[in-house]
Amino acid sequence: SMGLVMQALGATGKFYAPREWDCAQA
């Protein structure tokens, strides 16, 4: 699931951010 989840978090980060996530760690 990593690929799609990271795509979703990256694409929607400016509109919806329930909490910060560590992109570098992922």
PDB file of all heavy atoms in Angstrom:
ATOM      1  N   SER A   1       0.810  -1.221   0.000  1.00  0.00           N
ATOM      2  CA  SER A   1       0.000   0.000   0.000  1.00  0.00           C
ATOM      3  C   SER A   1       0.840   1.266   0.000  1.00  0.00           C
ATOM      4  O   SER A   1       0.317   2.355  -0.223  1.00  0.00           O
ATOM      5  CB  SER A   1      -0.943   0.012   1.209  1.00  0.00           C
ATOM      6  OG  SER A   1      -0.209   0.022   2.413  1.00  0.00           O
ATOM      7  N   MET A   2       2.138   1.143   0.253  1.00  0.00           N
ATOM      8  CA  MET A   2       2.991   2.321   0.417  1.00  0.00           C
ATOM      9  C   MET A   2       2.919   3.279  -0.765  1.00  0.00           C
ATOM     10  O   MET A   2       2.787   4.491  -0.595  1.00  0.00           O
ATOM     11  CB  MET A   2       4.450   1.903   0.637  1.00  0.00           C
ATOM     12  CG  MET A   2       4.740   1.346   2.007  1.00  0.00           C
ATOM     13  SD  MET A   2       4.726   2.593   3.320  1.00  0.00           S
ATOM     14  CE  MET A   2       6.253   3.458   3.002  1.00  0.00           C
ATOM     15  N   GLY A   3       3.039   2.755  -1.983  1.00  0.00           N
ATOM     16  CA  GLY A   3       3.070   3.615  -3.161  1.00  0.00           C
ATOM     17  C   GLY A   3       1.843   4.494  -3.292  1.00  0.00           C
ATOM     18  O   GLY A   3       1.947   5.723  -3.435  1.00  0.00           O
ATOM     19  N   LEU A   4       0.668   3.886  -3.225  1.00  0.00           N
ATOM     20  CA  LEU A   4      -0.571   4.657  -3.392  1.00  0.00           C
ATOM     21  C   LEU A   4      -0.816   5.601  -2.226  1.00  0.00           C
ATOM     22  O   LEU A   4      -1.259   6.738  -2.413  1.00  0.00           O
ATOM     23  CB  LEU A   4      -1.767   3.716  -3.559  1.00  0.00           C
ATOM     24  CG  LEU A   4      -1.921   3.071  -4.930  1.00  0.00           C
ATOM     25  CD1 LEU A   4      -3.153   2.185  -4.966  1.00  0.00           C
ATOM     26  CD2 LEU A   4      -2.005   4.114  -6.036  1.00  0.00           C
ATOM     27  N   VAL A   5      -0.523   5.154  -1.007  1.00  0.00           N
ATOM     28  CA  VAL A   5      -0.742   6.010   0.158  1.00  0.00           C
ATOM     29  C   VAL A   5       0.167   7.237   0.093  1.00  0.00           C
ATOM     30  O   VAL A   5      -0.273   8.368   0.346  1.00  0.00           O
ATOM     31  CB  VAL A   5      -0.503   5.238   1.469  1.00  0.00           C
ATOM     32  CG1 VAL A   5      -0.519   6.176   2.657  1.00  0.00           C
ATOM     33  CG2 VAL A   5      -1.553   4.158   1.655  1.00  0.00           C
ATOM     34  N   MET A   6       1.429   7.041  -0.280  1.00  0.00           N
ATOM     35  CA  MET A   6       2.344   8.174  -0.367  1.00  0.00           C
ATOM     36  C   MET A   6       1.944   9.126  -1.491  1.00  0.00           C
ATOM     37  O   MET A   6       2.075  10.341  -1.370  1.00  0.00           O
ATOM     38  CB  MET A   6       3.773   7.676  -0.558  1.00  0.00           C
ATOM     39  CG  MET A   6       4.322   7.003   0.700  1.00  0.00           C
ATOM     40  SD  MET A   6       5.994   6.380   0.497  1.00  0.00           S
ATOM     41  CE  MET A   6       6.905   7.924   0.374  1.00  0.00           C
ATOM     42  N   GLN A   7       1.424   8.571  -2.589  1.00  0.00           N
ATOM     43  CA  GLN A   7       0.910   9.430  -3.659  1.00  0.00           C
ATOM     44  C   GLN A   7      -0.247  10.282  -3.142  1.00  0.00           C
ATOM     45  O   GLN A   7      -0.313  11.488  -3.391  1.00  0.00           O
ATOM     46  CB  GLN A   7       0.417   8.583  -4.835  1.00  0.00           C
ATOM     47  CG  GLN A   7       1.497   8.018  -5.712  1.00  0.00           C
ATOM     48  CD  GLN A   7       0.914   7.394  -6.961  1.00  0.00           C
ATOM     49  OE1 GLN A   7       0.180   8.034  -7.692  1.00  0.00           O
ATOM     50  NE2 GLN A   7       1.254   6.133  -7.200  1.00  0.00           N
ATOM     51  N   ALA A   8      -1.167   9.631  -2.407  1.00  0.00           N
ATOM     52  CA  ALA A   8      -2.330  10.346  -1.892  1.00  0.00           C
ATOM     53  C   ALA A   8      -1.926  11.431  -0.903  1.00  0.00           C
ATOM     54  O   ALA A   8      -2.421  12.567  -0.967  1.00  0.00           O
ATOM     55  CB  ALA A   8      -3.305   9.366  -1.240  1.00  0.00           C
ATOM     56  N   LEU A   9      -1.013  11.105   0.011  1.00  0.00           N
ATOM     57  CA  LEU A   9      -0.577  12.094   1.004  1.00  0.00           C
ATOM     58  C   LEU A   9       0.148  13.261   0.337  1.00  0.00           C
ATOM     59  O   LEU A   9      -0.026  14.419   0.712  1.00  0.00           O
ATOM     60  CB  LEU A   9       0.327  11.429   2.039  1.00  0.00           C
ATOM     61  CG  LEU A   9      -0.371  10.489   3.020  1.00  0.00           C
ATOM     62  CD1 LEU A   9       0.651   9.726   3.852  1.00  0.00           C
ATOM     63  CD2 LEU A   9      -1.318  11.246   3.926  1.00  0.00           C
ATOM     64  N   GLY A  10       0.961  12.950  -0.679  1.00  0.00           N
ATOM     65  CA  GLY A  10       1.675  14.010  -1.373  1.00  0.00           C
ATOM     66  C   GLY A  10       0.757  14.907  -2.179  1.00  0.00           C
ATOM     67  O   GLY A  10       0.932  16.126  -2.228  1.00  0.00           O
ATOM     68  N   ALA A  11      -0.271  14.303  -2.817  1.00  0.00           N
ATOM     69  CA  ALA A  11      -1.166  15.067  -3.676  1.00  0.00           C
ATOM     70  C   ALA A  11      -2.163  15.898  -2.886  1.00  0.00           C
ATOM     71  O   ALA A  11      -2.611  16.953  -3.353  1.00  0.00           O
ATOM     72  CB  ALA A  11      -1.915  14.119  -4.618  1.00  0.00           C
ATOM     73  N   THR A  12      -2.532  15.457  -1.693  1.00  0.00           N
ATOM     74  CA  THR A  12      -3.578  16.157  -0.937  1.00  0.00           C
ATOM     75  C   THR A  12      -3.034  16.928   0.254  1.00  0.00           C
ATOM     76  O   THR A  12      -3.801  17.514   1.005  1.00  0.00           O
ATOM     77  CB  THR A  12      -4.634  15.155  -0.426  1.00  0.00           C
ATOM     78  OG1 THR A  12      -3.995  14.212   0.451  1.00  0.00           O
ATOM     79  CG2 THR A  12      -5.281  14.407  -1.577  1.00  0.00           C
ATOM     80  N   GLY A  13      -1.724  16.939   0.421  1.00  0.00           N
ATOM     81  CA  GLY A  13      -1.124  17.568   1.594  1.00  0.00           C
ATOM     82  C   GLY A  13      -1.521  19.013   1.807  1.00  0.00           C
ATOM     83  O   GLY A  13      -1.729  19.461   2.930  1.00  0.00           O
ATOM     84  N   LYS A  14      -1.657  19.787   0.720  1.00  0.00           N
ATOM     85  CA  LYS A  14      -1.994  21.203   0.882  1.00  0.00           C
ATOM     86  C   LYS A  14      -3.470  21.435   1.182  1.00  0.00           C
ATOM     87  O   LYS A  14      -3.858  22.486   1.625  1.00  0.00           O
ATOM     88  CB  LYS A  14      -1.595  22.019  -0.332  1.00  0.00           C
ATOM     89  CG  LYS A  14      -1.759  21.353  -1.660  1.00  0.00           C
ATOM     90  CD  LYS A  14      -1.344  22.264  -2.795  1.00  0.00           C
ATOM     91  CE  LYS A  14       0.013  21.892  -3.312  1.00  0.00           C
ATOM     92  NZ  LYS A  14       0.269  22.297  -4.667  1.00  0.00           N
ATOM     93  N   PHE A  15      -4.291  20.414   0.927  1.00  0.00           N
ATOM     94  CA  PHE A  15      -5.734  20.577   1.149  1.00  0.00           C
ATOM     95  C   PHE A  15      -6.216  19.888   2.419  1.00  0.00           C
ATOM     96  O   PHE A  15      -7.167  20.323   3.049  1.00  0.00           O
ATOM     97  CB  PHE A  15      -6.506  19.994  -0.040  1.00  0.00           C
ATOM     98  CG  PHE A  15      -6.073  20.548  -1.357  1.00  0.00           C
ATOM     99  CD1 PHE A  15      -5.352  19.769  -2.238  1.00  0.00           C
ATOM    100  CD2 PHE A  15      -6.351  21.855  -1.708  1.00  0.00           C
ATOM    101  CE1 PHE A  15      -4.930  20.276  -3.456  1.00  0.00           C
ATOM    102  CE2 PHE A  15      -5.932  22.368  -2.917  1.00  0.00           C
ATOM    103  CZ  PHE A  15      -5.221  21.581  -3.791  1.00  0.00           C
ATOM    104  N   TYR A  16      -5.565  18.778   2.762  1.00  0.00           N
ATOM    105  CA  TYR A  16      -6.052  17.999   3.896  1.00  0.00           C
ATOM    106  C   TYR A  16      -4.861  17.421   4.628  1.00  0.00           C
ATOM    107  O   TYR A  16      -4.114  16.623   4.079  1.00  0.00           O
ATOM    108  CB  TYR A  16      -6.957  16.865   3.401  1.00  0.00           C
ATOM    109  CG  TYR A  16      -7.396  15.890   4.479  1.00  0.00           C
ATOM    110  CD1 TYR A  16      -8.232  16.310   5.510  1.00  0.00           C
ATOM    111  CD2 TYR A  16      -6.961  14.578   4.466  1.00  0.00           C
ATOM    112  CE1 TYR A  16      -8.621  15.421   6.498  1.00  0.00           C
ATOM    113  CE2 TYR A  16      -7.353  13.682   5.444  1.00  0.00           C
ATOM    114  CZ  TYR A  16      -8.184  14.108   6.459  1.00  0.00           C
ATOM    115  OH  TYR A  16      -8.571  13.236   7.435  1.00  0.00           O
ATOM    116  N   ALA A  17      -4.660  17.844   5.842  1.00  0.00           N
ATOM    117  CA  ALA A  17      -3.517  17.356   6.626  1.00  0.00           C
ATOM    118  C   ALA A  17      -3.960  17.057   8.045  1.00  0.00           C
ATOM    119  O   ALA A  17      -3.856  17.882   8.937  1.00  0.00           O
ATOM    120  CB  ALA A  17      -2.403  18.398   6.633  1.00  0.00           C
ATOM    121  N   PRO A  18      -4.506  15.838   8.286  1.00  0.00           N
ATOM    122  CA  PRO A  18      -4.954  15.493   9.639  1.00  0.00           C
ATOM    123  C   PRO A  18      -3.805  15.507  10.641  1.00  0.00           C
ATOM    124  O   PRO A  18      -3.979  15.820  11.791  1.00  0.00           O
ATOM    125  CB  PRO A  18      -5.539  14.095   9.486  1.00  0.00           C
ATOM    126  CG  PRO A  18      -4.907  13.549   8.240  1.00  0.00           C
ATOM    127  CD  PRO A  18      -4.664  14.734   7.350  1.00  0.00           C
ATOM    128  N   ARG A  19      -2.617  15.157  10.188  1.00  0.00           N
ATOM    129  CA  ARG A  19      -1.428  15.245  11.032  1.00  0.00           C
ATOM    130  C   ARG A  19      -0.214  15.172  10.115  1.00  0.00           C
ATOM    131  O   ARG A  19      -0.303  14.715   8.985  1.00  0.00           O
ATOM    132  CB  ARG A  19      -1.379  14.141  12.076  1.00  0.00           C
ATOM    133  CG  ARG A  19      -1.245  12.742  11.532  1.00  0.00           C
ATOM    134  CD  ARG A  19      -1.283  11.734  12.688  1.00  0.00           C
ATOM    135  NE  ARG A  19      -1.199  10.383  12.226  1.00  0.00           N
ATOM    136  CZ  ARG A  19      -0.068   9.709  12.035  1.00  0.00           C
ATOM    137  NH1 ARG A  19       1.094  10.294  12.253  1.00  0.00           N
ATOM    138  NH2 ARG A  19      -0.073   8.465  11.619  1.00  0.00           N
ATOM    139  N   GLU A  20       0.892  15.643  10.610  1.00  0.00           N
ATOM    140  CA  GLU A  20       2.104  15.611   9.813  1.00  0.00           C
ATOM    141  C   GLU A  20       2.605  14.180   9.669  1.00  0.00           C
ATOM    142  O   GLU A  20       2.453  13.365  10.571  1.00  0.00           O
ATOM    143  CB  GLU A  20       3.192  16.476  10.459  1.00  0.00           C
ATOM    144  CG  GLU A  20       2.909  17.951  10.372  1.00  0.00           C
ATOM    145  CD  GLU A  20       4.085  18.787  10.875  1.00  0.00           C
ATOM    146  OE1 GLU A  20       5.173  18.204  11.072  1.00  0.00           O
ATOM    147  OE2 GLU A  20       3.906  19.987  11.049  1.00  0.00           O
ATOM    148  N   TRP A  21       3.194  13.867   8.525  1.00  0.00           N
ATOM    149  CA  TRP A  21       3.805  12.564   8.329  1.00  0.00           C
ATOM    150  C   TRP A  21       5.214  12.780   7.808  1.00  0.00           C
ATOM    151  O   TRP A  21       5.514  13.763   7.141  1.00  0.00           O
ATOM    152  CB  TRP A  21       2.981  11.700   7.381  1.00  0.00           C
ATOM    153  CG  TRP A  21       2.895  12.207   5.971  1.00  0.00           C
ATOM    154  CD1 TRP A  21       2.196  13.283   5.525  1.00  0.00           C
ATOM    155  CD2 TRP A  21       3.556  11.665   4.827  1.00  0.00           C
ATOM    156  NE1 TRP A  21       2.365  13.443   4.186  1.00  0.00           N
ATOM    157  CE2 TRP A  21       3.192  12.460   3.718  1.00  0.00           C
ATOM    158  CE3 TRP A  21       4.407  10.573   4.629  1.00  0.00           C
ATOM    159  CZ2 TRP A  21       3.656  12.210   2.438  1.00  0.00           C
ATOM    160  CZ3 TRP A  21       4.861  10.325   3.341  1.00  0.00           C
ATOM    161  CH2 TRP A  21       4.487  11.124   2.269  1.00  0.00           C
ATOM    162  N   ASP A  22       6.083  11.866   8.146  1.00  0.00           N
ATOM    163  CA  ASP A  22       7.496  11.982   7.809  1.00  0.00           C
ATOM    164  C   ASP A  22       7.746  11.345   6.453  1.00  0.00           C
ATOM    165  O   ASP A  22       7.926  10.133   6.338  1.00  0.00           O
ATOM    166  CB  ASP A  22       8.335  11.293   8.891  1.00  0.00           C
ATOM    167  CG  ASP A  22       9.825  11.594   8.741  1.00  0.00           C
ATOM    168  OD1 ASP A  22      10.249  11.944   7.623  1.00  0.00           O
ATOM    169  OD2 ASP A  22      10.541  11.482   9.745  1.00  0.00           O
ATOM    170  N   CYS A  23       7.742  12.189   5.410  1.00  0.00           N
ATOM    171  CA  CYS A  23       7.924  11.697   4.048  1.00  0.00           C
ATOM    172  C   CYS A  23       9.281  11.018   3.887  1.00  0.00           C
ATOM    173  O   CYS A  23       9.395   9.968   3.247  1.00  0.00           O
ATOM    174  CB  CYS A  23       7.788  12.855   3.065  1.00  0.00           C
ATOM    175  SG  CYS A  23       8.038  12.389   1.336  1.00  0.00           S
ATOM    176  N   ALA A  24      10.326  11.602   4.470  1.00  0.00           N
ATOM    177  CA  ALA A  24      11.670  11.039   4.327  1.00  0.00           C
ATOM    178  C   ALA A  24      11.751   9.645   4.946  1.00  0.00           C
ATOM    179  O   ALA A  24      12.393   8.746   4.404  1.00  0.00           O
ATOM    180  CB  ALA A  24      12.693  11.963   4.978  1.00  0.00           C
ATOM    181  N   GLN A  25      11.082   9.461   6.081  1.00  0.00           N
ATOM    182  CA  GLN A  25      11.108   8.156   6.739  1.00  0.00           C
ATOM    183  C   GLN A  25      10.364   7.124   5.891  1.00  0.00           C
ATOM    184  O   GLN A  25      10.807   5.986   5.746  1.00  0.00           O
ATOM    185  CB  GLN A  25      10.484   8.261   8.130  1.00  0.00           C
ATOM    186  CG  GLN A  25      10.673   6.999   8.957  1.00  0.00           C
ATOM    187  CD  GLN A  25      10.022   7.097  10.322  1.00  0.00           C
ATOM    188  OE1 GLN A  25       8.983   7.723  10.470  1.00  0.00           O
ATOM    189  NE2 GLN A  25      10.637   6.483  11.326  1.00  0.00           N
ATOM    190  N   ALA A  26       9.229   7.534   5.314  1.00  0.00           N
ATOM    191  CA  ALA A  26       8.474   6.623   4.452  1.00  0.00           C
ATOM    192  C   ALA A  26       9.280   6.275   3.201  1.00  0.00           C
ATOM    193  O   ALA A  26       9.297   5.128   2.750  1.00  0.00           O
ATOM    194  CB  ALA A  26       7.137   7.254   4.072  1.00  0.00           C
TER     195      ALA A  26
END
